[in-house]
Amino acid sequence: MAVDSIGTQYQNYSPTQLKGQQLDQKDFLRLMTAQLSQQDPFNPVDNQQMVAQMAQFSSLAGVSETNTVLKSISEQLAAQTALLKDIKAAQTPPATPPATPTT
């Protein structure tokens, strides 16, 4: 049975750990290779489905990278804002109490 051969082929394989239990592009390529090597030659996987899966994975990777970059930019802006507040507070002269008339 084809499922048994895939199971024994990748018995000692453990997925790459990124953030918890997420799979990365290397894991996806291994799964795709296993799927292609075990498919029925008289009933192959539809090329459009395969391309769609690859496009979705690529899109997801791009969105993930964009989120990482935006988080970094947000942290830098927050640090700059805090620094500017500190500089402004240091440059503002302390308030002097109003002069009281002496009689």
Foldseek 3Di string as FASTA:
>chain_A
DLVVVVCVVCVVPDADDDPHRDHAPVVVVVVVVSQQVSDDPVDHDDPVVVVVVVVVRVVVVVVVVVVVVVVVVVVVVVVVVVVVVVVVVVPDDDDDDDDDDDD
